[in-house]
N, C-alpha and C. Protein backbone atom coordinates (compact mmCIF):
# COMPACT_ATOMS: atom_id res chain seq x y z
N UNK A 1 -142.75 117.75 115.80
CA UNK A 1 -141.58 117.59 116.64
C UNK A 1 -141.93 116.79 117.88
N UNK A 2 -140.96 116.06 118.34
CA UNK A 2 -141.10 115.24 119.53
C UNK A 2 -139.98 115.60 120.50
N UNK A 3 -140.32 115.75 121.76
CA UNK A 3 -139.32 116.02 122.78
C UNK A 3 -139.27 114.81 123.73
N UNK A 4 -138.05 114.41 124.05
CA UNK A 4 -137.84 113.27 124.94
C UNK A 4 -136.96 113.70 126.10
N UNK A 5 -137.39 113.40 127.31
CA UNK A 5 -136.63 113.79 128.50
C UNK A 5 -136.42 112.55 129.38
N UNK A 6 -135.14 112.21 129.56
CA UNK A 6 -134.80 111.04 130.38
C UNK A 6 -134.57 111.43 131.84
N UNK A 7 -134.73 110.45 132.70
CA UNK A 7 -134.39 110.61 134.11
C UNK A 7 -134.12 109.23 134.70
N UNK A 8 -133.47 109.22 135.86
CA UNK A 8 -133.29 107.97 136.57
C UNK A 8 -131.90 107.39 136.57
N UNK A 9 -130.95 108.04 135.90
CA UNK A 9 -129.59 107.52 135.92
C UNK A 9 -128.93 107.76 137.27
N UNK A 10 -127.72 107.24 137.41
CA UNK A 10 -126.99 107.43 138.65
C UNK A 10 -125.87 106.44 138.81
N UNK A 11 -125.35 106.39 140.04
CA UNK A 11 -124.25 105.49 140.39
C UNK A 11 -124.80 104.33 141.20
N UNK A 12 -124.43 103.12 140.81
CA UNK A 12 -124.92 101.93 141.52
C UNK A 12 -123.81 100.88 141.54
N UNK A 13 -123.82 100.06 142.55
CA UNK A 13 -122.83 98.97 142.63
C UNK A 13 -123.25 97.82 141.72
N UNK A 14 -122.27 97.06 141.31
CA UNK A 14 -122.55 95.88 140.49
C UNK A 14 -123.54 94.97 141.22
N UNK A 15 -124.51 94.47 140.45
CA UNK A 15 -125.56 93.65 141.02
C UNK A 15 -126.80 94.43 141.39
N UNK A 16 -126.69 95.74 141.39
CA UNK A 16 -127.81 96.59 141.76
C UNK A 16 -128.77 96.84 140.61
N UNK A 17 -129.74 97.71 140.87
CA UNK A 17 -130.78 98.01 139.88
C UNK A 17 -130.98 99.50 139.75
N UNK A 18 -131.44 99.89 138.56
CA UNK A 18 -131.85 101.26 138.28
C UNK A 18 -133.04 101.21 137.34
N UNK A 19 -133.86 102.24 137.40
CA UNK A 19 -134.98 102.36 136.48
C UNK A 19 -134.90 103.70 135.79
N UNK A 20 -134.79 103.66 134.47
CA UNK A 20 -134.76 104.87 133.67
C UNK A 20 -136.16 105.17 133.16
N UNK A 21 -136.45 106.47 133.04
CA UNK A 21 -137.73 106.91 132.50
C UNK A 21 -137.49 107.87 131.35
N UNK A 22 -138.39 107.84 130.38
CA UNK A 22 -138.32 108.76 129.25
C UNK A 22 -139.72 109.28 128.98
N UNK A 23 -139.90 110.57 129.22
CA UNK A 23 -141.19 111.21 129.00
C UNK A 23 -141.20 111.86 127.63
N UNK A 24 -142.20 111.51 126.84
CA UNK A 24 -142.33 112.05 125.49
C UNK A 24 -143.42 113.11 125.45
N UNK A 25 -143.19 114.14 124.64
CA UNK A 25 -144.18 115.19 124.45
C UNK A 25 -144.09 115.70 123.02
N UNK A 26 -145.09 116.46 122.60
CA UNK A 26 -145.11 116.97 121.24
C UNK A 26 -145.95 116.08 120.35
N UNK A 27 -145.50 115.84 119.11
CA UNK A 27 -146.25 115.06 118.13
C UNK A 27 -146.06 113.56 118.34
N UNK A 28 -146.38 113.10 119.53
CA UNK A 28 -146.11 111.71 119.88
C UNK A 28 -146.98 110.73 119.09
N UNK A 29 -148.08 111.23 118.52
CA UNK A 29 -148.93 110.33 117.74
C UNK A 29 -148.18 109.80 116.52
N UNK A 30 -147.12 110.47 116.12
CA UNK A 30 -146.34 110.06 114.95
C UNK A 30 -145.31 108.99 115.29
N UNK A 31 -145.10 108.73 116.55
CA UNK A 31 -144.05 107.81 116.97
C UNK A 31 -144.48 106.36 116.74
N UNK A 32 -143.64 105.59 116.05
CA UNK A 32 -143.95 104.19 115.79
C UNK A 32 -143.16 103.24 116.68
N UNK A 33 -142.08 103.71 117.25
CA UNK A 33 -141.29 102.87 118.15
C UNK A 33 -140.46 103.76 119.06
N UNK A 34 -140.17 103.24 120.24
CA UNK A 34 -139.30 103.95 121.18
C UNK A 34 -138.33 102.96 121.79
N UNK A 35 -137.19 103.47 122.18
CA UNK A 35 -136.20 102.56 122.74
C UNK A 35 -135.12 103.29 123.51
N UNK A 36 -134.15 102.50 123.93
CA UNK A 36 -133.01 103.02 124.68
C UNK A 36 -131.72 102.59 124.00
N UNK A 37 -130.81 103.53 123.89
CA UNK A 37 -129.47 103.28 123.36
C UNK A 37 -128.46 103.61 124.44
N UNK A 38 -127.30 103.04 124.31
CA UNK A 38 -126.23 103.26 125.28
C UNK A 38 -124.94 103.59 124.55
N UNK A 39 -124.20 104.56 125.12
CA UNK A 39 -122.89 104.90 124.58
C UNK A 39 -121.87 104.89 125.70
N UNK A 40 -120.96 103.94 125.63
CA UNK A 40 -119.88 103.85 126.60
C UNK A 40 -118.72 104.71 126.12
N UNK A 41 -117.83 105.12 127.02
CA UNK A 41 -116.69 105.95 126.62
C UNK A 41 -115.86 105.28 125.52
N UNK A 42 -115.62 106.03 124.44
CA UNK A 42 -114.81 105.51 123.36
C UNK A 42 -115.50 104.53 122.45
N UNK A 43 -116.80 104.34 122.65
CA UNK A 43 -117.53 103.38 121.82
C UNK A 43 -118.70 104.05 121.12
N UNK A 44 -119.21 103.39 120.11
CA UNK A 44 -120.36 103.92 119.40
C UNK A 44 -121.64 103.67 120.18
N UNK A 45 -122.61 104.49 119.90
CA UNK A 45 -123.93 104.33 120.51
C UNK A 45 -124.58 103.07 119.95
N UNK A 46 -125.12 102.23 120.84
CA UNK A 46 -125.74 100.99 120.39
C UNK A 46 -127.08 100.74 121.07
N UNK A 47 -127.90 99.95 120.39
CA UNK A 47 -129.23 99.65 120.90
C UNK A 47 -129.16 98.80 122.16
N UNK A 48 -129.97 99.18 123.15
CA UNK A 48 -130.13 98.37 124.36
C UNK A 48 -131.45 97.61 124.29
N UNK A 49 -132.53 98.34 124.02
CA UNK A 49 -133.86 97.73 123.94
C UNK A 49 -134.79 98.68 123.23
N UNK A 50 -135.78 98.13 122.52
CA UNK A 50 -136.79 98.98 121.93
C UNK A 50 -138.14 98.27 121.93
N UNK A 51 -139.17 99.07 121.66
CA UNK A 51 -140.54 98.57 121.69
C UNK A 51 -141.32 99.26 120.59
N UNK A 52 -142.00 98.49 119.76
CA UNK A 52 -142.82 99.08 118.71
C UNK A 52 -144.15 99.57 119.28
N UNK A 53 -144.89 100.28 118.47
CA UNK A 53 -146.20 100.76 118.89
C UNK A 53 -147.11 99.59 119.27
N UNK A 54 -146.92 98.46 118.57
CA UNK A 54 -147.75 97.27 118.84
C UNK A 54 -147.30 96.53 120.09
N UNK A 55 -146.17 96.91 120.64
CA UNK A 55 -145.72 96.27 121.87
C UNK A 55 -144.64 95.23 121.70
N UNK A 56 -144.18 95.03 120.49
CA UNK A 56 -143.10 94.08 120.26
C UNK A 56 -141.79 94.64 120.80
N UNK A 57 -141.08 93.82 121.57
CA UNK A 57 -139.84 94.27 122.18
C UNK A 57 -138.63 93.58 121.56
N UNK A 58 -137.50 94.25 121.69
CA UNK A 58 -136.25 93.73 121.15
C UNK A 58 -135.14 94.16 122.10
N UNK A 59 -134.22 93.22 122.41
CA UNK A 59 -133.15 93.51 123.35
C UNK A 59 -131.79 93.15 122.77
N UNK A 60 -130.78 93.90 123.17
CA UNK A 60 -129.41 93.51 122.86
C UNK A 60 -129.11 92.22 123.62
N UNK A 61 -128.31 91.34 123.03
CA UNK A 61 -127.99 90.06 123.68
C UNK A 61 -127.38 90.27 125.07
N UNK A 62 -126.62 91.33 125.22
CA UNK A 62 -125.89 91.56 126.47
C UNK A 62 -126.80 91.90 127.64
N UNK A 63 -128.06 92.29 127.37
CA UNK A 63 -128.95 92.70 128.45
C UNK A 63 -130.16 91.78 128.61
N UNK A 64 -130.31 90.80 127.72
CA UNK A 64 -131.46 89.90 127.79
C UNK A 64 -131.50 89.19 129.15
N UNK A 65 -132.68 89.17 129.73
CA UNK A 65 -132.85 88.54 131.03
C UNK A 65 -132.55 89.45 132.20
N UNK A 66 -131.96 90.60 131.93
CA UNK A 66 -131.62 91.55 133.01
C UNK A 66 -132.39 92.86 132.89
N UNK A 67 -132.61 93.32 131.67
CA UNK A 67 -133.29 94.60 131.42
C UNK A 67 -134.69 94.34 130.88
N UNK A 68 -135.61 95.24 131.22
CA UNK A 68 -136.98 95.16 130.71
C UNK A 68 -137.45 96.53 130.28
N UNK A 69 -137.91 96.63 129.04
CA UNK A 69 -138.49 97.88 128.55
C UNK A 69 -140.01 97.80 128.69
N UNK A 70 -140.60 98.89 129.11
CA UNK A 70 -142.06 98.93 129.26
C UNK A 70 -142.53 100.35 129.01
N UNK A 71 -143.85 100.54 129.01
CA UNK A 71 -144.36 101.89 128.75
C UNK A 71 -145.66 102.10 129.51
N UNK A 72 -145.94 103.36 129.74
CA UNK A 72 -147.20 103.80 130.32
C UNK A 72 -147.82 104.73 129.29
N UNK A 73 -148.78 104.22 128.53
CA UNK A 73 -149.35 105.02 127.45
C UNK A 73 -150.07 106.27 127.96
N UNK A 74 -150.68 106.15 129.12
CA UNK A 74 -151.42 107.29 129.67
C UNK A 74 -150.49 108.45 130.00
N UNK A 75 -149.24 108.12 130.35
CA UNK A 75 -148.27 109.16 130.72
C UNK A 75 -147.24 109.41 129.62
N UNK A 76 -147.41 108.74 128.48
CA UNK A 76 -146.47 108.91 127.36
C UNK A 76 -145.03 108.72 127.82
N UNK A 77 -144.82 107.69 128.59
CA UNK A 77 -143.52 107.44 129.20
C UNK A 77 -143.06 106.02 128.92
N UNK A 78 -141.78 105.89 128.62
CA UNK A 78 -141.16 104.59 128.42
C UNK A 78 -140.14 104.38 129.54
N UNK A 79 -140.06 103.15 130.02
CA UNK A 79 -139.17 102.84 131.12
C UNK A 79 -138.15 101.78 130.70
N UNK A 80 -137.02 101.79 131.38
CA UNK A 80 -136.05 100.72 131.24
C UNK A 80 -135.66 100.27 132.64
N UNK A 81 -136.14 99.10 133.03
CA UNK A 81 -135.78 98.52 134.32
C UNK A 81 -134.50 97.73 134.12
N UNK A 82 -133.47 98.08 134.86
CA UNK A 82 -132.17 97.44 134.71
C UNK A 82 -131.81 96.74 136.02
N UNK A 83 -131.72 95.43 135.96
CA UNK A 83 -131.37 94.61 137.13
C UNK A 83 -130.03 93.92 136.90
N UNK A 84 -129.46 93.45 137.99
CA UNK A 84 -128.18 92.72 137.91
C UNK A 84 -127.15 93.49 137.10
N UNK A 85 -127.04 94.76 137.39
CA UNK A 85 -126.16 95.64 136.60
C UNK A 85 -124.70 95.22 136.73
N UNK A 86 -123.99 95.39 135.62
CA UNK A 86 -122.57 95.05 135.53
C UNK A 86 -121.76 96.30 135.19
N UNK A 87 -120.49 96.33 135.53
CA UNK A 87 -119.67 97.50 135.17
C UNK A 87 -119.71 97.81 133.68
N UNK A 88 -119.84 96.80 132.85
CA UNK A 88 -119.89 97.03 131.40
C UNK A 88 -121.20 97.66 130.93
N UNK A 89 -122.15 97.82 131.84
CA UNK A 89 -123.39 98.54 131.50
C UNK A 89 -123.21 100.05 131.65
N UNK A 90 -122.07 100.47 132.13
CA UNK A 90 -121.79 101.89 132.31
C UNK A 90 -121.82 102.63 130.98
N UNK A 91 -122.43 103.81 130.99
CA UNK A 91 -122.48 104.63 129.79
C UNK A 91 -123.57 105.68 129.91
N UNK A 92 -123.70 106.46 128.85
CA UNK A 92 -124.79 107.41 128.77
C UNK A 92 -125.94 106.72 128.03
N UNK A 93 -127.08 106.73 128.65
CA UNK A 93 -128.27 106.09 128.09
C UNK A 93 -129.16 107.16 127.45
N UNK A 94 -129.49 106.92 126.19
CA UNK A 94 -130.30 107.87 125.44
C UNK A 94 -131.65 107.25 125.09
N UNK A 95 -132.69 108.01 125.30
CA UNK A 95 -134.01 107.62 124.85
C UNK A 95 -134.15 107.97 123.37
N UNK A 96 -134.78 107.09 122.63
CA UNK A 96 -134.93 107.28 121.18
C UNK A 96 -136.37 107.07 120.78
N UNK A 97 -136.83 107.88 119.86
CA UNK A 97 -138.15 107.69 119.26
C UNK A 97 -138.01 107.76 117.76
N UNK A 98 -138.77 106.92 117.06
CA UNK A 98 -138.74 106.90 115.60
C UNK A 98 -140.15 107.14 115.09
N UNK A 99 -140.30 108.07 114.15
CA UNK A 99 -141.63 108.31 113.60
C UNK A 99 -141.83 107.52 112.32
N UNK A 100 -143.00 107.68 111.72
CA UNK A 100 -143.36 106.87 110.55
C UNK A 100 -142.48 107.18 109.34
N UNK A 101 -141.83 108.34 109.37
CA UNK A 101 -140.90 108.70 108.28
C UNK A 101 -139.48 108.25 108.59
N UNK A 102 -139.34 107.48 109.66
CA UNK A 102 -138.05 106.96 110.11
C UNK A 102 -137.11 108.07 110.57
N UNK A 103 -137.69 109.19 110.99
CA UNK A 103 -136.89 110.25 111.59
C UNK A 103 -136.66 109.90 113.06
N UNK A 104 -135.42 110.05 113.50
CA UNK A 104 -135.05 109.73 114.88
C UNK A 104 -135.08 110.97 115.76
N UNK A 105 -135.62 110.80 116.95
CA UNK A 105 -135.59 111.83 117.97
C UNK A 105 -134.79 111.28 119.16
N UNK A 106 -134.04 112.17 119.81
CA UNK A 106 -133.18 111.76 120.91
C UNK A 106 -133.39 112.62 122.14
N UNK A 107 -133.27 111.99 123.29
CA UNK A 107 -133.22 112.74 124.53
C UNK A 107 -131.81 113.24 124.77
N UNK A 108 -131.63 113.93 125.89
CA UNK A 108 -130.33 114.53 126.19
C UNK A 108 -129.36 113.53 126.78
N UNK A 109 -129.85 112.39 127.21
CA UNK A 109 -129.00 111.35 127.78
C UNK A 109 -128.94 111.42 129.30
N UNK A 110 -128.77 110.26 129.90
CA UNK A 110 -128.61 110.19 131.35
C UNK A 110 -127.49 109.21 131.67
N UNK A 111 -126.61 109.60 132.58
CA UNK A 111 -125.43 108.80 132.88
C UNK A 111 -125.77 107.67 133.84
N UNK A 112 -125.31 106.48 133.49
CA UNK A 112 -125.40 105.32 134.37
C UNK A 112 -123.99 104.82 134.63
N UNK A 113 -123.61 104.74 135.89
CA UNK A 113 -122.28 104.27 136.25
C UNK A 113 -122.42 103.10 137.21
N UNK A 114 -121.83 101.97 136.83
CA UNK A 114 -121.89 100.76 137.66
C UNK A 114 -120.49 100.49 138.18
N UNK A 115 -120.33 100.53 139.48
CA UNK A 115 -119.02 100.30 140.09
C UNK A 115 -118.85 98.82 140.44
N UNK A 116 -117.62 98.37 140.36
CA UNK A 116 -117.33 96.95 140.64
C UNK A 116 -117.03 96.72 142.10
C-alpha cells in the first residue's frame, strides 16, 4: 500500500504562484510514476503533469511553460510549481502514484482557487 498526502493549495490571484507538495509513504519502492491531476467543478479529473521513475516528465498542453513537476527522492516527495496561474486552473488537485501493476493510488486532494 502507498499513502499520498498533498499540501500547499490555497487562494491566489491570477498571475500568482503556488507550490503543491505530495509526500509518499508505504510501499513506495513499487511506484513507477507519480503525477498531479486536476478536477474542476462539473468536469472530469484530468492529468496536469507526471514524472516517471526515470525522470521523464509529461504536461497537459494547458500548463506547459507555467507548471513544473519535480521530486525530492530523499524525502519521497513530489512537487508541482505553478506559476502564472489563471482562473481556469481552479480545481481540486490530486496527487497520483502508479505501481508496476498499474494500480493507482490517490491523495485526498487539495483545493486551488485562482481569482480573476
